[in-house]
Amino acid sequence: MTITLDAATEERFQKELERGQYADANELVQHLLAVMELASIPGPSQEDEDWLYENREAIDASLDVSFAQAARGEGYSPEEAKALLAEMRAARAAA
């Protein structure tokens, strides 16, 4: 496949390649397509956004408690969290 770019777009593309983050033009195109796919994932519905807005004070309070617990070292290690989640999944599956 051959793609023809206007001069301004080609210049932008070339500058991005010169940064050195991508091995070649194909890798840059693959990245751009992945970003486009992510951008097309629908965001929260209006109903979800309304719920978040209506409950923002409770959510903020819950986050404050969580951050304070983490600051005191009361959180779970990654291993503990994984084990706890596995237990919860097993309990749900058994119900």
PDB file of N, CA and C in Angstrom:
ATOM      1  N   MET A   1       0.855  -1.174   0.000  1.00  0.00           N
ATOM      2  CA  MET A   1       0.000   0.000   0.000  1.00  0.00           C
ATOM      3  C   MET A   1       0.901   1.237   0.000  1.00  0.00           C
ATOM      4  N   THR A   2       0.550   2.188  -0.791  1.00  0.00           N
ATOM      5  CA  THR A   2       1.275   3.448  -0.843  1.00  0.00           C
ATOM      6  C   THR A   2       0.356   4.535  -0.314  1.00  0.00           C
ATOM      7  N   ILE A   3       0.914   5.350   0.577  1.00  0.00           N
ATOM      8  CA  ILE A   3       0.139   6.452   1.146  1.00  0.00           C
ATOM      9  C   ILE A   3       0.826   7.748   0.764  1.00  0.00           C
ATOM     10  N   THR A   4       0.061   8.689   0.241  1.00  0.00           N
ATOM     11  CA  THR A   4       0.593   9.992  -0.126  1.00  0.00           C
ATOM     12  C   THR A   4       0.149  11.002   0.916  1.00  0.00           C
ATOM     13  N   LEU A   5       1.107  11.715   1.473  1.00  0.00           N
ATOM     14  CA  LEU A   5       0.827  12.714   2.497  1.00  0.00           C
ATOM     15  C   LEU A   5       1.071  14.102   1.946  1.00  0.00           C
ATOM     16  N   ASP A   6       0.293  15.068   2.432  1.00  0.00           N
ATOM     17  CA  ASP A   6       0.593  16.447   2.053  1.00  0.00           C
ATOM     18  C   ASP A   6       1.890  16.849   2.761  1.00  0.00           C
ATOM     19  N   ALA A   7       2.494  17.926   2.316  1.00  0.00           N
ATOM     20  CA  ALA A   7       3.819  18.327   2.812  1.00  0.00           C
ATOM     21  C   ALA A   7       3.836  18.559   4.327  1.00  0.00           C
ATOM     22  N   ALA A   8       2.815  19.198   4.857  1.00  0.00           N
ATOM     23  CA  ALA A   8       2.779  19.492   6.283  1.00  0.00           C
ATOM     24  C   ALA A   8       2.678  18.214   7.118  1.00  0.00           C
ATOM     25  N   THR A   9       1.850  17.283   6.658  1.00  0.00           N
ATOM     26  CA  THR A   9       1.694  16.020   7.385  1.00  0.00           C
ATOM     27  C   THR A   9       2.968  15.199   7.289  1.00  0.00           C
ATOM     28  N   GLU A  10       3.583  15.185   6.137  1.00  0.00           N
ATOM     29  CA  GLU A  10       4.837  14.447   5.979  1.00  0.00           C
ATOM     30  C   GLU A  10       5.917  15.021   6.888  1.00  0.00           C
ATOM     31  N   GLU A  11       5.956  16.322   7.012  1.00  0.00           N
ATOM     32  CA  GLU A  11       6.940  16.951   7.892  1.00  0.00           C
ATOM     33  C   GLU A  11       6.700  16.547   9.353  1.00  0.00           C
ATOM     34  N   ARG A  12       5.449  16.557   9.783  1.00  0.00           N
ATOM     35  CA  ARG A  12       5.108  16.132  11.154  1.00  0.00           C
ATOM     36  C   ARG A  12       5.507  14.677  11.378  1.00  0.00           C
ATOM     37  N   PHE A  13       5.214  13.856  10.387  1.00  0.00           N
ATOM     38  CA  PHE A  13       5.533  12.439  10.464  1.00  0.00           C
ATOM     39  C   PHE A  13       7.047  12.247  10.572  1.00  0.00           C
ATOM     40  N   GLN A  14       7.786  12.959   9.752  1.00  0.00           N
ATOM     41  CA  GLN A  14       9.246  12.845   9.744  1.00  0.00           C
ATOM     42  C   GLN A  14       9.841  13.314  11.067  1.00  0.00           C
ATOM     43  N   LYS A  15       9.319  14.409  11.622  1.00  0.00           N
ATOM     44  CA  LYS A  15       9.805  14.899  12.916  1.00  0.00           C
ATOM     45  C   LYS A  15       9.588  13.854  14.004  1.00  0.00           C
ATOM     46  N   GLU A  16       8.444  13.185  13.944  1.00  0.00           N
ATOM     47  CA  GLU A  16       8.154  12.151  14.936  1.00  0.00           C
ATOM     48  C   GLU A  16       9.139  10.995  14.798  1.00  0.00           C
ATOM     49  N   LEU A  17       9.453  10.615  13.578  1.00  0.00           N
ATOM     50  CA  LEU A  17      10.436   9.549  13.365  1.00  0.00           C
ATOM     51  C   LEU A  17      11.820   9.958  13.845  1.00  0.00           C
ATOM     52  N   GLU A  18      12.182  11.223  13.641  1.00  0.00           N
ATOM     53  CA  GLU A  18      13.503  11.709  14.039  1.00  0.00           C
ATOM     54  C   GLU A  18      13.693  11.727  15.550  1.00  0.00           C
ATOM     55  N   ARG A  19      12.621  11.750  16.299  1.00  0.00           N
ATOM     56  CA  ARG A  19      12.728  11.688  17.760  1.00  0.00           C
ATOM     57  C   ARG A  19      13.358  10.376  18.221  1.00  0.00           C
ATOM     58  N   GLY A  20      13.238   9.358  17.383  1.00  0.00           N
ATOM     59  CA  GLY A  20      13.881   8.087  17.678  1.00  0.00           C
ATOM     60  C   GLY A  20      13.060   7.101  18.489  1.00  0.00           C
ATOM     61  N   GLN A  21      11.825   7.415  18.772  1.00  0.00           N
ATOM     62  CA  GLN A  21      10.992   6.526  19.575  1.00  0.00           C
ATOM     63  C   GLN A  21      10.509   5.321  18.761  1.00  0.00           C
ATOM     64  N   TYR A  22      10.458   5.467  17.447  1.00  0.00           N
ATOM     65  CA  TYR A  22       9.958   4.407  16.575  1.00  0.00           C
ATOM     66  C   TYR A  22      11.071   3.944  15.651  1.00  0.00           C
ATOM     67  N   ALA A  23      11.139   2.636  15.442  1.00  0.00           N
ATOM     68  CA  ALA A  23      12.199   2.066  14.605  1.00  0.00           C
ATOM     69  C   ALA A  23      12.046   2.469  13.146  1.00  0.00           C
ATOM     70  N   ASP A  24      10.793   2.588  12.702  1.00  0.00           N
ATOM     71  CA  ASP A  24      10.547   2.925  11.306  1.00  0.00           C
ATOM     72  C   ASP A  24       9.121   3.467  11.151  1.00  0.00           C
ATOM     73  N   ALA A  25       8.784   3.838   9.934  1.00  0.00           N
ATOM     74  CA  ALA A  25       7.468   4.420   9.671  1.00  0.00           C
ATOM     75  C   ALA A  25       6.344   3.447   9.997  1.00  0.00           C
ATOM     76  N   ASN A  26       6.554   2.160   9.738  1.00  0.00           N
ATOM     77  CA  ASN A  26       5.532   1.158  10.018  1.00  0.00           C
ATOM     78  C   ASN A  26       5.207   1.115  11.515  1.00  0.00           C
ATOM     79  N   GLU A  27       6.231   1.171  12.342  1.00  0.00           N
ATOM     80  CA  GLU A  27       6.010   1.139  13.790  1.00  0.00           C
ATOM     81  C   GLU A  27       5.231   2.374  14.255  1.00  0.00           C
ATOM     82  N   LEU A  28       5.540   3.526  13.683  1.00  0.00           N
ATOM     83  CA  LEU A  28       4.809   4.749  14.013  1.00  0.00           C
ATOM     84  C   LEU A  28       3.342   4.623  13.594  1.00  0.00           C
ATOM     85  N   VAL A  29       3.082   4.101  12.417  1.00  0.00           N
ATOM     86  CA  VAL A  29       1.703   3.929  11.958  1.00  0.00           C
ATOM     87  C   VAL A  29       0.969   2.960  12.875  1.00  0.00           C
ATOM     88  N   GLN A  30       1.616   1.878  13.275  1.00  0.00           N
ATOM     89  CA  GLN A  30       0.990   0.924  14.191  1.00  0.00           C
ATOM     90  C   GLN A  30       0.603   1.607  15.499  1.00  0.00           C
ATOM     91  N   HIS A  31       1.504   2.447  16.011  1.00  0.00           N
ATOM     92  CA  HIS A  31       1.213   3.174  17.249  1.00  0.00           C
ATOM     93  C   HIS A  31       0.026   4.120  17.055  1.00  0.00           C
ATOM     94  N   LEU A  32       0.020   4.842  15.964  1.00  0.00           N
ATOM     95  CA  LEU A  32      -1.069   5.771  15.696  1.00  0.00           C
ATOM     96  C   LEU A  32      -2.411   5.045  15.575  1.00  0.00           C
ATOM     97  N   LEU A  33      -2.411   3.891  14.943  1.00  0.00           N
ATOM     98  CA  LEU A  33      -3.648   3.112  14.828  1.00  0.00           C
ATOM     99  C   LEU A  33      -4.113   2.622  16.200  1.00  0.00           C
ATOM    100  N   ALA A  34      -3.172   2.215  17.053  1.00  0.00           N
ATOM    101  CA  ALA A  34      -3.530   1.770  18.407  1.00  0.00           C
ATOM    102  C   ALA A  34      -4.144   2.915  19.199  1.00  0.00           C
ATOM    103  N   VAL A  35      -3.579   4.104  19.059  1.00  0.00           N
ATOM    104  CA  VAL A  35      -4.129   5.277  19.743  1.00  0.00           C
ATOM    105  C   VAL A  35      -5.532   5.572  19.234  1.00  0.00           C
ATOM    106  N   MET A  36      -5.735   5.457  17.942  1.00  0.00           N
ATOM    107  CA  MET A  36      -7.067   5.690  17.368  1.00  0.00           C
ATOM    108  C   MET A  36      -8.077   4.684  17.917  1.00  0.00           C
ATOM    109  N   GLU A  37      -7.657   3.425  18.039  1.00  0.00           N
ATOM    110  CA  GLU A  37      -8.559   2.406  18.585  1.00  0.00           C
ATOM    111  C   GLU A  37      -8.931   2.736  20.023  1.00  0.00           C
ATOM    112  N   LEU A  38      -7.948   3.159  20.815  1.00  0.00           N
ATOM    113  CA  LEU A  38      -8.239   3.527  22.207  1.00  0.00           C
ATOM    114  C   LEU A  38      -9.172   4.727  22.271  1.00  0.00           C
ATOM    115  N   ALA A  39      -8.979   5.668  21.383  1.00  0.00           N
ATOM    116  CA  ALA A  39      -9.812   6.874  21.383  1.00  0.00           C
ATOM    117  C   ALA A  39     -11.250   6.563  21.013  1.00  0.00           C
ATOM    118  N   SER A  40     -11.463   5.462  20.300  1.00  0.00           N
ATOM    119  CA  SER A  40     -12.825   5.139  19.882  1.00  0.00           C
ATOM    120  C   SER A  40     -13.594   4.362  20.943  1.00  0.00           C
ATOM    121  N   ILE A  41     -12.929   3.996  22.042  1.00  0.00           N
ATOM    122  CA  ILE A  41     -13.624   3.314  23.130  1.00  0.00           C
ATOM    123  C   ILE A  41     -14.572   4.326  23.762  1.00  0.00           C
ATOM    124  N   PRO A  42     -15.843   3.984  23.849  1.00  0.00           N
ATOM    125  CA  PRO A  42     -16.787   4.971  24.389  1.00  0.00           C
ATOM    126  C   PRO A  42     -16.494   5.293  25.850  1.00  0.00           C
ATOM    127  N   GLY A  43     -16.691   6.527  26.190  1.00  0.00           N
ATOM    128  CA  GLY A  43     -16.499   6.964  27.573  1.00  0.00           C
ATOM    129  C   GLY A  43     -17.724   6.643  28.401  1.00  0.00           C
ATOM    130  N   PRO A  44     -17.753   7.162  29.600  1.00  0.00           N
ATOM    131  CA  PRO A  44     -18.906   6.892  30.468  1.00  0.00           C
ATOM    132  C   PRO A  44     -20.178   7.492  29.878  1.00  0.00           C
ATOM    133  N   SER A  45     -21.283   6.832  30.156  1.00  0.00           N
ATOM    134  CA  SER A  45     -22.566   7.340  29.679  1.00  0.00           C
ATOM    135  C   SER A  45     -22.944   8.585  30.476  1.00  0.00           C
ATOM    136  N   GLN A  46     -23.910   9.310  29.986  1.00  0.00           N
ATOM    137  CA  GLN A  46     -24.385  10.490  30.716  1.00  0.00           C
ATOM    138  C   GLN A  46     -24.922  10.081  32.081  1.00  0.00           C
ATOM    139  N   GLU A  47     -25.567   8.921  32.134  1.00  0.00           N
ATOM    140  CA  GLU A  47     -26.093   8.408  33.406  1.00  0.00           C
ATOM    141  C   GLU A  47     -24.954   8.160  34.398  1.00  0.00           C
ATOM    142  N   ASP A  48     -23.856   7.564  33.913  1.00  0.00           N
ATOM    143  CA  ASP A  48     -22.701   7.324  34.775  1.00  0.00           C
ATOM    144  C   ASP A  48     -22.092   8.639  35.254  1.00  0.00           C
ATOM    145  N   GLU A  49     -21.954   9.591  34.337  1.00  0.00           N
ATOM    146  CA  GLU A  49     -21.381  10.880  34.716  1.00  0.00           C
ATOM    147  C   GLU A  49     -22.269  11.597  35.722  1.00  0.00           C
ATOM    148  N   ASP A  50     -23.572  11.503  35.528  1.00  0.00           N
ATOM    149  CA  ASP A  50     -24.502  12.110  36.487  1.00  0.00           C
ATOM    150  C   ASP A  50     -24.346  11.479  37.866  1.00  0.00           C
ATOM    151  N   TRP A  51     -24.245  10.152  37.909  1.00  0.00           N
ATOM    152  CA  TRP A  51     -24.089   9.449  39.181  1.00  0.00           C
ATOM    153  C   TRP A  51     -22.800   9.889  39.875  1.00  0.00           C
ATOM    154  N   LEU A  52     -21.700   9.960  39.108  1.00  0.00           N
ATOM    155  CA  LEU A  52     -20.428  10.393  39.694  1.00  0.00           C
ATOM    156  C   LEU A  52     -20.544  11.810  40.250  1.00  0.00           C
ATOM    157  N   TYR A  53     -21.189  12.691  39.503  1.00  0.00           N
ATOM    158  CA  TYR A  53     -21.347  14.074  39.953  1.00  0.00           C
ATOM    159  C   TYR A  53     -22.203  14.146  41.213  1.00  0.00           C
ATOM    160  N   GLU A  54     -23.298  13.404  41.225  1.00  0.00           N
ATOM    161  CA  GLU A  54     -24.204  13.425  42.375  1.00  0.00           C
ATOM    162  C   GLU A  54     -23.566  12.822  43.621  1.00  0.00           C
ATOM    163  N   ASN A  55     -22.629  11.914  43.437  1.00  0.00           N
ATOM    164  CA  ASN A  55     -22.008  11.221  44.565  1.00  0.00           C
ATOM    165  C   ASN A  55     -20.566  11.655  44.807  1.00  0.00           C
ATOM    166  N   ARG A  56     -20.168  12.779  44.244  1.00  0.00           N
ATOM    167  CA  ARG A  56     -18.768  13.198  44.324  1.00  0.00           C
ATOM    168  C   ARG A  56     -18.290  13.412  45.746  1.00  0.00           C
ATOM    169  N   GLU A  57     -19.134  13.939  46.634  1.00  0.00           N
ATOM    170  CA  GLU A  57     -18.701  14.172  48.012  1.00  0.00           C
ATOM    171  C   GLU A  57     -18.413  12.851  48.716  1.00  0.00           C
ATOM    172  N   ALA A  58     -19.269  11.862  48.539  1.00  0.00           N
ATOM    173  CA  ALA A  58     -19.046  10.554  49.154  1.00  0.00           C
ATOM    174  C   ALA A  58     -17.817   9.883  48.557  1.00  0.00           C
ATOM    175  N   ILE A  59     -17.641  10.028  47.247  1.00  0.00           N
ATOM    176  CA  ILE A  59     -16.470   9.447  46.593  1.00  0.00           C
ATOM    177  C   ILE A  59     -15.204  10.113  47.108  1.00  0.00           C
ATOM    178  N   ASP A  60     -15.206  11.452  47.199  1.00  0.00           N
ATOM    179  CA  ASP A  60     -14.046  12.181  47.720  1.00  0.00           C
ATOM    180  C   ASP A  60     -13.729  11.757  49.148  1.00  0.00           C
ATOM    181  N   ALA A  61     -14.746  11.603  49.982  1.00  0.00           N
ATOM    182  CA  ALA A  61     -14.538  11.193  51.372  1.00  0.00           C
ATOM    183  C   ALA A  61     -13.926   9.793  51.431  1.00  0.00           C
ATOM    184  N   SER A  62     -14.422   8.900  50.583  1.00  0.00           N
ATOM    185  CA  SER A  62     -13.889   7.542  50.547  1.00  0.00           C
ATOM    186  C   SER A  62     -12.431   7.534  50.091  1.00  0.00           C
ATOM    187  N   LEU A  63     -12.119   8.361  49.110  1.00  0.00           N
ATOM    188  CA  LEU A  63     -10.734   8.461  48.654  1.00  0.00           C
ATOM    189  C   LEU A  63      -9.834   9.041  49.749  1.00  0.00           C
ATOM    190  N   ASP A  64     -10.328  10.039  50.483  1.00  0.00           N
ATOM    191  CA  ASP A  64      -9.541  10.604  51.578  1.00  0.00           C
ATOM    192  C   ASP A  64      -9.199   9.539  52.609  1.00  0.00           C
ATOM    193  N   VAL A  65     -10.188   8.707  52.949  1.00  0.00           N
ATOM    194  CA  VAL A  65      -9.956   7.623  53.913  1.00  0.00           C
ATOM    195  C   VAL A  65      -8.918   6.648  53.360  1.00  0.00           C
ATOM    196  N   SER A  66      -9.065   6.291  52.090  1.00  0.00           N
ATOM    197  CA  SER A  66      -8.138   5.346  51.467  1.00  0.00           C
ATOM    198  C   SER A  66      -6.715   5.893  51.437  1.00  0.00           C
ATOM    199  N   PHE A  67      -6.561   7.158  51.072  1.00  0.00           N
ATOM    200  CA  PHE A  67      -5.225   7.755  51.019  1.00  0.00           C
ATOM    201  C   PHE A  67      -4.600   7.830  52.413  1.00  0.00           C
ATOM    202  N   ALA A  68      -5.407   8.150  53.417  1.00  0.00           N
ATOM    203  CA  ALA A  68      -4.897   8.206  54.791  1.00  0.00           C
ATOM    204  C   ALA A  68      -4.451   6.819  55.247  1.00  0.00           C
ATOM    205  N   GLN A  69      -5.228   5.799  54.922  1.00  0.00           N
ATOM    206  CA  GLN A  69      -4.842   4.438  55.282  1.00  0.00           C
ATOM    207  C   GLN A  69      -3.531   4.049  54.606  1.00  0.00           C
ATOM    208  N   ALA A  70      -3.392   4.386  53.345  1.00  0.00           N
ATOM    209  CA  ALA A  70      -2.164   4.070  52.620  1.00  0.00           C
ATOM    210  C   ALA A  70      -0.976   4.802  53.229  1.00  0.00           C
ATOM    211  N   ALA A  71      -1.178   6.049  53.620  1.00  0.00           N
ATOM    212  CA  ALA A  71      -0.096   6.824  54.226  1.00  0.00           C
ATOM    213  C   ALA A  71       0.357   6.205  55.545  1.00  0.00           C
ATOM    214  N   ARG A  72      -0.582   5.552  56.243  1.00  0.00           N
ATOM    215  CA  ARG A  72      -0.241   4.897  57.518  1.00  0.00           C
ATOM    216  C   ARG A  72       0.281   3.481  57.298  1.00  0.00           C
ATOM    217  N   GLY A  73       0.384   3.053  56.059  1.00  0.00           N
ATOM    218  CA  GLY A  73       0.881   1.713  55.765  1.00  0.00           C
ATOM    219  C   GLY A  73      -0.147   0.623  55.977  1.00  0.00           C
ATOM    220  N   GLU A  74      -1.419   0.988  55.925  1.00  0.00           N
ATOM    221  CA  GLU A  74      -2.480   0.025  56.191  1.00  0.00           C
ATOM    222  C   GLU A  74      -2.991  -0.674  54.935  1.00  0.00           C
ATOM    223  N   GLY A  75      -2.334  -0.483  53.827  1.00  0.00           N
ATOM    224  CA  GLY A  75      -2.789  -1.104  52.594  1.00  0.00           C
ATOM    225  C   GLY A  75      -2.338  -2.550  52.476  1.00  0.00           C
ATOM    226  N   TYR A  76      -2.730  -3.183  51.394  1.00  0.00           N
ATOM    227  CA  TYR A  76      -2.339  -4.551  51.105  1.00  0.00           C
ATOM    228  C   TYR A  76      -1.130  -4.560  50.182  1.00  0.00           C
ATOM    229  N   SER A  77      -0.283  -5.576  50.358  1.00  0.00           N
ATOM    230  CA  SER A  77       0.796  -5.775  49.390  1.00  0.00           C
ATOM    231  C   SER A  77       0.158  -6.314  48.113  1.00  0.00           C
ATOM    232  N   PRO A  78       0.855  -6.260  46.985  1.00  0.00           N
ATOM    233  CA  PRO A  78       0.280  -6.819  45.759  1.00  0.00           C
ATOM    234  C   PRO A  78      -0.117  -8.289  45.921  1.00  0.00           C
ATOM    235  N   GLU A  79       0.696  -9.050  46.625  1.00  0.00           N
ATOM    236  CA  GLU A  79       0.389 -10.467  46.821  1.00  0.00           C
ATOM    237  C   GLU A  79      -0.868 -10.636  47.661  1.00  0.00           C
ATOM    238  N   GLU A  80      -0.995  -9.828  48.726  1.00  0.00           N
ATOM    239  CA  GLU A  80      -2.186  -9.901  49.577  1.00  0.00           C
ATOM    240  C   GLU A  80      -3.439  -9.500  48.802  1.00  0.00           C
ATOM    241  N   ALA A  81      -3.319  -8.465  47.998  1.00  0.00           N
ATOM    242  CA  ALA A  81      -4.466  -8.008  47.207  1.00  0.00           C
ATOM    243  C   ALA A  81      -4.905  -9.087  46.218  1.00  0.00           C
ATOM    244  N   LYS A  82      -3.946  -9.722  45.549  1.00  0.00           N
ATOM    245  CA  LYS A  82      -4.289 -10.781  44.603  1.00  0.00           C
ATOM    246  C   LYS A  82      -4.972 -11.949  45.306  1.00  0.00           C
ATOM    247  N   ALA A  83      -4.461 -12.319  46.489  1.00  0.00           N
ATOM    248  CA  ALA A  83      -5.060 -13.425  47.234  1.00  0.00           C
ATOM    249  C   ALA A  83      -6.475 -13.073  47.675  1.00  0.00           C
ATOM    250  N   LEU A  84      -6.668 -11.851  48.140  1.00  0.00           N
ATOM    251  CA  LEU A  84      -7.990 -11.410  48.577  1.00  0.00           C
ATOM    252  C   LEU A  84      -8.978 -11.409  47.413  1.00  0.00           C
ATOM    253  N   LEU A  85      -8.546 -10.906  46.269  1.00  0.00           N
ATOM    254  CA  LEU A  85      -9.410 -10.908  45.082  1.00  0.00           C
ATOM    255  C   LEU A  85      -9.744 -12.335  44.643  1.00  0.00           C
ATOM    256  N   ALA A  86      -8.767 -13.226  44.714  1.00  0.00           N
ATOM    257  CA  ALA A  86      -9.020 -14.620  44.342  1.00  0.00           C
ATOM    258  C   ALA A  86     -10.059 -15.243  45.272  1.00  0.00           C
ATOM    259  N   GLU A  87      -9.953 -14.939  46.571  1.00  0.00           N
ATOM    260  CA  GLU A  87     -10.939 -15.441  47.540  1.00  0.00           C
ATOM    261  C   GLU A  87     -12.334 -14.898  47.226  1.00  0.00           C
ATOM    262  N   MET A  88     -12.413 -13.622  46.911  1.00  0.00           N
ATOM    263  CA  MET A  88     -13.710 -13.014  46.616  1.00  0.00           C
ATOM    264  C   MET A  88     -14.320 -13.609  45.354  1.00  0.00           C
ATOM    265  N   ARG A  89     -13.479 -13.834  44.315  1.00  0.00           N
ATOM    266  CA  ARG A  89     -13.974 -14.455  43.085  1.00  0.00           C
ATOM    267  C   ARG A  89     -14.482 -15.862  43.349  1.00  0.00           C
ATOM    268  N   ALA A  90     -13.722 -16.613  44.151  1.00  0.00           N
ATOM    269  CA  ALA A  90     -14.121 -17.988  44.458  1.00  0.00           C
ATOM    270  C   ALA A  90     -15.440 -18.009  45.212  1.00  0.00           C
ATOM    271  N   ALA A  91     -15.602 -17.076  46.141  1.00  0.00           N
ATOM    272  CA  ALA A  91     -16.848 -17.005  46.914  1.00  0.00           C
ATOM    273  C   ALA A  91     -18.033 -16.671  46.009  1.00  0.00           C
ATOM    274  N   ARG A  92     -17.830 -15.750  45.059  1.00  0.00           N
ATOM    275  CA  ARG A  92     -18.890 -15.397  44.114  1.00  0.00           C
ATOM    276  C   ARG A  92     -19.237 -16.569  43.219  1.00  0.00           C
ATOM    277  N   ALA A  93     -18.209 -17.294  42.790  1.00  0.00           N
ATOM    278  CA  ALA A  93     -18.452 -18.439  41.906  1.00  0.00           C
ATOM    279  C   ALA A  93     -19.190 -19.561  42.631  1.00  0.00           C
ATOM    280  N   ALA A  94     -18.930 -19.684  43.909  1.00  0.00           N
ATOM    281  CA  ALA A  94     -19.571 -20.739  44.706  1.00  0.00           C
ATOM    282  C   ALA A  94     -21.005 -20.399  45.052  1.00  0.00           C
ATOM    283  N   ALA A  95     -21.361 -19.120  45.001  1.00  0.00           N
ATOM    284  CA  ALA A  95     -22.715 -18.701  45.402  1.00  0.00           C
ATOM    285  C   ALA A  95     -23.748 -19.006  44.344  1.00  0.00           C
TER     286      ALA A  95
END
